[in-house]
Amino acid sequence: MLKIKILMAKYLYVFCAAVLILNDHVLKKSFHNALTGKLSDIVGAFVLYRLLRGVGKIGLKPWPSFWVVIGFCLLIKSHQKMADVVAQYTCGLFFEHCHFIADPYDLLAFIPFIVFFLSVGYKNDGLGAVAK
């Protein structure tokens, strides 16, 4: 059972990155509704966590990565000025139209990330050695 969870965790990040790209570059342009916004928030949390964890021995451990994701999401979802600054200096460097909208209700979209992390992620997130 643990092997299945580890395998699912490994491929979850690839799946989330693919969904994030598809959603932000295709679906939002076509539909632009609450569903596409929440979808970006959900998969974006998983992608950010993966980037923070890094590859191999480079990167943060699971718990610090978790708290950075939560803190970052709280910051950009509760203060529009901070969301604008983050958008300008992150994805705004690579994409012409990049905008984050501060909406405290979006924080509900991070429940799947928190549930995943607490049930699987902090024990073994599929990104290296088992966390202690």
C-alpha atoms as a PDB file:
ATOM      1  CA  MET A   1       0.000   0.000   0.000  1.00  0.00           C
ATOM      2  CA  LEU A   2       2.832   2.407   0.817  1.00  0.00           C
ATOM      3  CA  LYS A   3       4.406   1.782  -2.607  1.00  0.00           C
ATOM      4  CA  ILE A   4       1.137   2.756  -4.298  1.00  0.00           C
ATOM      5  CA  LYS A   5       0.963   5.986  -2.264  1.00  0.00           C
ATOM      6  CA  ILE A   6       4.579   6.833  -3.134  1.00  0.00           C
ATOM      7  CA  LEU A   7       3.966   6.142  -6.827  1.00  0.00           C
ATOM      8  CA  MET A   8       0.814   8.271  -6.788  1.00  0.00           C
ATOM      9  CA  ALA A   9       2.692  11.080  -5.029  1.00  0.00           C
ATOM     10  CA  LYS A  10       5.492  11.043  -7.612  1.00  0.00           C
ATOM     11  CA  TYR A  11       3.162  11.280 -10.575  1.00  0.00           C
ATOM     12  CA  LEU A  12       0.818  13.708  -8.859  1.00  0.00           C
ATOM     13  CA  TYR A  13       3.330  16.527  -9.325  1.00  0.00           C
ATOM     14  CA  VAL A  14       3.725  15.828 -13.054  1.00  0.00           C
ATOM     15  CA  PHE A  15      -0.046  15.672 -13.440  1.00  0.00           C
ATOM     16  CA  CYS A  16      -0.489  18.947 -11.511  1.00  0.00           C
ATOM     17  CA  ALA A  17       2.132  20.751 -13.614  1.00  0.00           C
ATOM     18  CA  ALA A  18       0.419  19.590 -16.817  1.00  0.00           C
ATOM     19  CA  VAL A  19      -3.006  20.658 -15.532  1.00  0.00           C
ATOM     20  CA  LEU A  20      -1.629  24.035 -14.431  1.00  0.00           C
ATOM     21  CA  ILE A  21      -0.155  24.727 -17.867  1.00  0.00           C
ATOM     22  CA  LEU A  22      -3.289  23.547 -19.678  1.00  0.00           C
ATOM     23  CA  ASN A  23      -5.588  25.478 -17.354  1.00  0.00           C
ATOM     24  CA  ASP A  24      -3.649  28.757 -17.387  1.00  0.00           C
ATOM     25  CA  HIS A  25      -2.931  28.821 -21.112  1.00  0.00           C
ATOM     26  CA  VAL A  26      -6.020  27.197 -22.643  1.00  0.00           C
ATOM     27  CA  LEU A  27      -8.948  26.725 -20.274  1.00  0.00           C
ATOM     28  CA  LYS A  28      -8.854  30.160 -18.621  1.00  0.00           C
ATOM     29  CA  LYS A  29      -8.850  31.861 -22.020  1.00  0.00           C
ATOM     30  CA  SER A  30     -11.831  29.793 -23.162  1.00  0.00           C
ATOM     31  CA  PHE A  31     -13.957  29.613 -20.018  1.00  0.00           C
ATOM     32  CA  HIS A  32     -12.515  31.983 -17.361  1.00  0.00           C
ATOM     33  CA  ASN A  33     -14.796  31.078 -14.482  1.00  0.00           C
ATOM     34  CA  ALA A  34     -14.555  30.143 -10.811  1.00  0.00           C
ATOM     35  CA  LEU A  35     -13.659  26.545 -11.641  1.00  0.00           C
ATOM     36  CA  THR A  36     -10.580  27.481 -13.688  1.00  0.00           C
ATOM     37  CA  GLY A  37      -9.483  29.853 -10.935  1.00  0.00           C
ATOM     38  CA  LYS A  38      -9.794  27.265  -8.173  1.00  0.00           C
ATOM     39  CA  LEU A  39      -8.133  24.628 -10.338  1.00  0.00           C
ATOM     40  CA  SER A  40      -5.071  26.868 -10.707  1.00  0.00           C
ATOM     41  CA  ASP A  41      -4.953  27.414  -6.951  1.00  0.00           C
ATOM     42  CA  ILE A  42      -5.181  23.708  -6.147  1.00  0.00           C
ATOM     43  CA  VAL A  43      -2.601  22.424  -8.620  1.00  0.00           C
ATOM     44  CA  GLY A  44      -0.421  25.510  -8.135  1.00  0.00           C
ATOM     45  CA  ALA A  45       0.059  24.598  -4.461  1.00  0.00           C
ATOM     46  CA  PHE A  46       1.279  21.115  -5.427  1.00  0.00           C
ATOM     47  CA  VAL A  47       3.619  22.516  -8.098  1.00  0.00           C
ATOM     48  CA  LEU A  48       5.069  25.122  -5.712  1.00  0.00           C
ATOM     49  CA  TYR A  49       5.619  22.430  -3.076  1.00  0.00           C
ATOM     50  CA  ARG A  50       7.454  20.291  -5.654  1.00  0.00           C
ATOM     51  CA  LEU A  51       9.672  23.196  -6.681  1.00  0.00           C
ATOM     52  CA  LEU A  52      10.550  23.926  -3.056  1.00  0.00           C
ATOM     53  CA  ARG A  53      11.380  20.289  -2.381  1.00  0.00           C
ATOM     54  CA  GLY A  54      13.801  20.363  -5.277  1.00  0.00           C
ATOM     55  CA  VAL A  55      15.575  17.399  -6.759  1.00  0.00           C
ATOM     56  CA  GLY A  56      17.654  14.904  -4.814  1.00  0.00           C
ATOM     57  CA  LYS A  57      19.397  16.493  -1.858  1.00  0.00           C
ATOM     58  CA  ILE A  58      18.815  20.045  -3.080  1.00  0.00           C
ATOM     59  CA  GLY A  59      15.696  21.613  -1.628  1.00  0.00           C
ATOM     60  CA  LEU A  60      13.743  22.047   1.554  1.00  0.00           C
ATOM     61  CA  LYS A  61      12.510  19.231   3.753  1.00  0.00           C
ATOM     62  CA  PRO A  62       8.775  18.411   3.699  1.00  0.00           C
ATOM     63  CA  TRP A  63       7.575  20.457   6.687  1.00  0.00           C
ATOM     64  CA  PRO A  64       9.391  23.711   5.803  1.00  0.00           C
ATOM     65  CA  SER A  65       8.175  23.351   2.211  1.00  0.00           C
ATOM     66  CA  PHE A  66       4.616  22.889   3.455  1.00  0.00           C
ATOM     67  CA  TRP A  67       4.749  26.024   5.598  1.00  0.00           C
ATOM     68  CA  VAL A  68       6.312  28.116   2.816  1.00  0.00           C
ATOM     69  CA  VAL A  69       3.477  27.084   0.465  1.00  0.00           C
ATOM     70  CA  ILE A  70       0.842  27.899   3.099  1.00  0.00           C
ATOM     71  CA  GLY A  71       2.486  31.237   3.956  1.00  0.00           C
ATOM     72  CA  PHE A  72       2.916  32.211   0.315  1.00  0.00           C
ATOM     73  CA  CYS A  73      -0.723  31.378  -0.440  1.00  0.00           C
ATOM     74  CA  LEU A  74      -1.975  33.307   2.577  1.00  0.00           C
ATOM     75  CA  LEU A  75       0.127  36.291   1.529  1.00  0.00           C
ATOM     76  CA  ILE A  76      -0.991  36.531  -2.082  1.00  0.00           C
ATOM     77  CA  LYS A  77      -4.613  35.560  -1.434  1.00  0.00           C
ATOM     78  CA  SER A  78      -5.237  38.103   1.328  1.00  0.00           C
ATOM     79  CA  HIS A  79      -3.389  41.234   0.068  1.00  0.00           C
ATOM     80  CA  GLN A  80      -3.912  42.466  -3.509  1.00  0.00           C
ATOM     81  CA  LYS A  81      -0.827  44.724  -3.483  1.00  0.00           C
ATOM     82  CA  MET A  82       1.348  41.777  -2.478  1.00  0.00           C
ATOM     83  CA  ALA A  83      -0.323  39.604  -5.130  1.00  0.00           C
ATOM     84  CA  ASP A  84       0.517  42.245  -7.760  1.00  0.00           C
ATOM     85  CA  VAL A  85       4.169  42.396  -6.673  1.00  0.00           C
ATOM     86  CA  VAL A  86       4.496  38.608  -6.713  1.00  0.00           C
ATOM     87  CA  ALA A  87       2.863  38.402 -10.153  1.00  0.00           C
ATOM     88  CA  GLN A  88       5.176  41.078 -11.522  1.00  0.00           C
ATOM     89  CA  TYR A  89       8.377  39.462 -10.280  1.00  0.00           C
ATOM     90  CA  THR A  90       7.533  35.803 -10.880  1.00  0.00           C
ATOM     91  CA  CYS A  91       5.348  34.783 -13.776  1.00  0.00           C
ATOM     92  CA  GLY A  92       5.202  38.377 -15.080  1.00  0.00           C
ATOM     93  CA  LEU A  93       8.808  37.971 -16.162  1.00  0.00           C
ATOM     94  CA  PHE A  94       7.918  35.078 -18.457  1.00  0.00           C
ATOM     95  CA  PHE A  95       4.373  35.779 -19.618  1.00  0.00           C
ATOM     96  CA  GLU A  96       2.791  38.884 -21.054  1.00  0.00           C
ATOM     97  CA  HIS A  97      -0.467  38.649 -19.120  1.00  0.00           C
ATOM     98  CA  CYS A  98      -0.008  37.527 -15.552  1.00  0.00           C
ATOM     99  CA  HIS A  99      -2.254  38.558 -12.717  1.00  0.00           C
ATOM    100  CA  PHE A 100      -2.996  37.158  -9.285  1.00  0.00           C
ATOM    101  CA  ILE A 101      -6.273  38.044  -7.634  1.00  0.00           C
ATOM    102  CA  ALA A 102      -6.349  38.300  -3.863  1.00  0.00           C
ATOM    103  CA  ASP A 103      -9.506  36.523  -2.765  1.00  0.00           C
ATOM    104  CA  PRO A 104      -9.623  35.041   0.733  1.00  0.00           C
ATOM    105  CA  TYR A 105     -12.234  32.491  -0.431  1.00  0.00           C
ATOM    106  CA  ASP A 106      -9.532  30.995  -2.667  1.00  0.00           C
ATOM    107  CA  LEU A 107      -7.847  29.711   0.471  1.00  0.00           C
ATOM    108  CA  LEU A 108     -10.509  26.984   0.574  1.00  0.00           C
ATOM    109  CA  ALA A 109      -8.955  25.596  -2.603  1.00  0.00           C
ATOM    110  CA  PHE A 110      -5.858  24.651  -0.600  1.00  0.00           C
ATOM    111  CA  ILE A 111      -7.727  22.091   1.478  1.00  0.00           C
ATOM    112  CA  PRO A 112      -6.817  19.260  -0.972  1.00  0.00           C
ATOM    113  CA  PHE A 113      -3.115  20.187  -0.636  1.00  0.00           C
ATOM    114  CA  ILE A 114      -3.311  20.212   3.152  1.00  0.00           C
ATOM    115  CA  VAL A 115      -5.202  16.897   3.243  1.00  0.00           C
ATOM    116  CA  PHE A 116      -2.679  15.302   0.867  1.00  0.00           C
ATOM    117  CA  PHE A 117       0.279  16.586   2.851  1.00  0.00           C
ATOM    118  CA  LEU A 118      -1.073  15.467   6.210  1.00  0.00           C
ATOM    119  CA  SER A 119      -2.126  12.046   4.944  1.00  0.00           C
ATOM    120  CA  VAL A 120       0.788  11.183   2.633  1.00  0.00           C
ATOM    121  CA  GLY A 121       3.169  14.057   2.040  1.00  0.00           C
ATOM    122  CA  TYR A 122       4.957  14.546   5.306  1.00  0.00           C
ATOM    123  CA  LYS A 123       5.516  10.799   5.707  1.00  0.00           C
ATOM    124  CA  ASN A 124       6.801  10.230   2.195  1.00  0.00           C
ATOM    125  CA  ASP A 125       5.964  12.693  -0.535  1.00  0.00           C
ATOM    126  CA  GLY A 126       7.561  10.617  -3.281  1.00  0.00           C
ATOM    127  CA  LEU A 127      10.453  13.048  -3.545  1.00  0.00           C
ATOM    128  CA  GLY A 128      13.152  11.367  -1.554  1.00  0.00           C
ATOM    129  CA  ALA A 129      13.809   9.766   1.762  1.00  0.00           C
ATOM    130  CA  VAL A 130      11.034   9.199   4.240  1.00  0.00           C
ATOM    131  CA  ALA A 131      10.577  12.295   6.405  1.00  0.00           C
ATOM    132  CA  LYS A 132      10.950  11.974  10.155  1.00  0.00           C
END
